[in-house]
């Protein structure tokens, strides 16, 4: 993802800056998705693995990136607190 774009993006809910998910965070998220235990903030199950994602710097919300395009819709966010084995901040 373009660094300039990343620098201006923020969470649409709480206006917190975002950063790219680390490999360990991505692996933990995709493991939880595979296990069937992840829902969006709208309560919809997340069924497909995520190849790239953004997380708020307060580590509360995750947004997927599809083909290099951030999906920053409030109802598409994923609450990080539902991920039991989510790694600590890098």
Protein backbone atom coordinates (compact mmCIF):
# COMPACT_ATOMS: atom_id res chain seq x y z
CA UNK A 1 0.00 0.00 0.00
CA UNK A 2 1.19 3.48 -0.83
CA UNK A 3 2.77 5.15 2.23
CA UNK A 4 1.20 8.52 1.37
CA UNK A 5 -2.27 6.97 1.34
CA UNK A 6 -1.62 5.14 4.59
CA UNK A 7 -0.52 8.40 6.22
CA UNK A 8 -3.88 10.08 5.55
CA UNK A 9 -6.22 7.18 6.29
CA UNK A 10 -8.05 6.98 9.60
CA UNK A 11 -10.84 4.93 11.11
CA UNK A 12 -14.23 6.27 9.98
CA UNK A 13 -15.70 5.46 13.40
CA UNK A 14 -13.26 7.01 15.88
CA UNK A 15 -10.83 8.88 13.56
CA UNK A 16 -7.85 6.92 14.90
CA UNK A 17 -4.91 6.53 12.47
CA UNK A 18 -4.36 3.10 10.93
CA UNK A 19 -1.34 0.99 10.07
CA UNK A 20 -0.80 -2.19 8.10
CA UNK A 21 -1.37 -5.47 9.91
CA UNK A 22 1.83 -7.33 10.69
CA UNK A 23 2.32 -10.88 9.41
CA UNK A 24 1.69 -12.29 12.92
CA UNK A 25 -1.52 -10.25 13.26
CA UNK A 26 -2.67 -11.34 9.80
CA UNK A 27 -1.98 -15.00 10.62
CA UNK A 28 -3.94 -14.75 13.89
CA UNK A 29 -6.86 -13.05 12.13
CA UNK A 30 -6.97 -15.59 9.32
CA UNK A 31 -6.72 -18.46 11.81
CA UNK A 32 -9.78 -17.12 13.62
CA UNK A 33 -11.62 -16.64 10.31
CA UNK A 34 -10.85 -20.24 9.32
CA UNK A 35 -12.14 -21.42 12.70
CA UNK A 36 -15.38 -19.54 12.03
CA UNK A 37 -15.23 -17.18 14.97
CA UNK A 38 -15.00 -13.73 13.39
CA UNK A 39 -17.83 -11.25 12.72
CA UNK A 40 -17.89 -7.70 11.41
CA UNK A 41 -19.10 -4.82 13.56
CA UNK A 42 -22.48 -5.27 11.84
CA UNK A 43 -22.57 -8.86 13.12
CA UNK A 44 -21.98 -10.55 9.76
CA UNK A 45 -19.66 -13.58 9.74
CA UNK A 46 -16.31 -13.14 7.99
CA UNK A 47 -15.86 -16.24 5.83
CA UNK A 48 -12.99 -15.35 3.49
CA UNK A 49 -9.36 -15.04 4.48
CA UNK A 50 -7.87 -11.57 4.33
CA UNK A 51 -4.69 -11.01 2.29
CA UNK A 52 -3.99 -7.48 3.52
CA UNK A 53 -5.48 -5.39 6.28
CA UNK A 54 -5.28 -2.21 8.32
CA UNK A 55 -5.63 -1.88 12.07
CA UNK A 56 -6.26 1.24 14.11
CA UNK A 57 -3.29 2.34 16.18
CA UNK A 58 -5.35 1.73 19.33
CA UNK A 59 -5.68 -1.90 18.08
CA UNK A 60 -9.48 -1.96 18.33
CA UNK A 61 -10.65 -2.22 14.71
CA UNK A 62 -9.37 -4.02 11.63
CA UNK A 63 -10.30 -3.17 8.04
CA UNK A 64 -9.58 -5.40 5.06
CA UNK A 65 -7.80 -4.22 1.94
CA UNK A 66 -9.11 -5.68 -1.33
CA UNK A 67 -6.79 -5.48 -4.34
CA UNK A 68 -4.94 -2.54 -2.77
CA UNK A 69 -8.16 -0.67 -1.92
CA UNK A 70 -8.93 -0.14 1.78
CA UNK A 71 -12.51 -1.08 2.67
CA UNK A 72 -13.05 1.56 5.37
CA UNK A 73 -16.80 1.15 5.85
CA UNK A 74 -17.88 1.22 9.53
CA UNK A 75 -20.06 -1.89 9.11
CA UNK A 76 -17.16 -3.83 7.53
CA UNK A 77 -14.77 -3.31 10.44
CA UNK A 78 -13.65 -6.28 12.52
CA UNK A 79 -13.31 -5.82 16.26
CA UNK A 80 -9.87 -7.03 17.36
CA UNK A 81 -11.11 -7.87 20.87
CA UNK A 82 -12.90 -10.96 19.51
CA UNK A 83 -9.54 -12.48 18.50
CA UNK A 84 -8.31 -14.54 21.45
CA UNK A 85 -4.78 -15.23 20.21
CA UNK A 86 -4.16 -11.81 18.70
CA UNK A 87 -0.47 -10.88 19.11
CA UNK A 88 0.63 -7.91 21.16
CA UNK A 89 1.58 -4.72 19.36
CA UNK A 90 4.68 -5.01 17.17
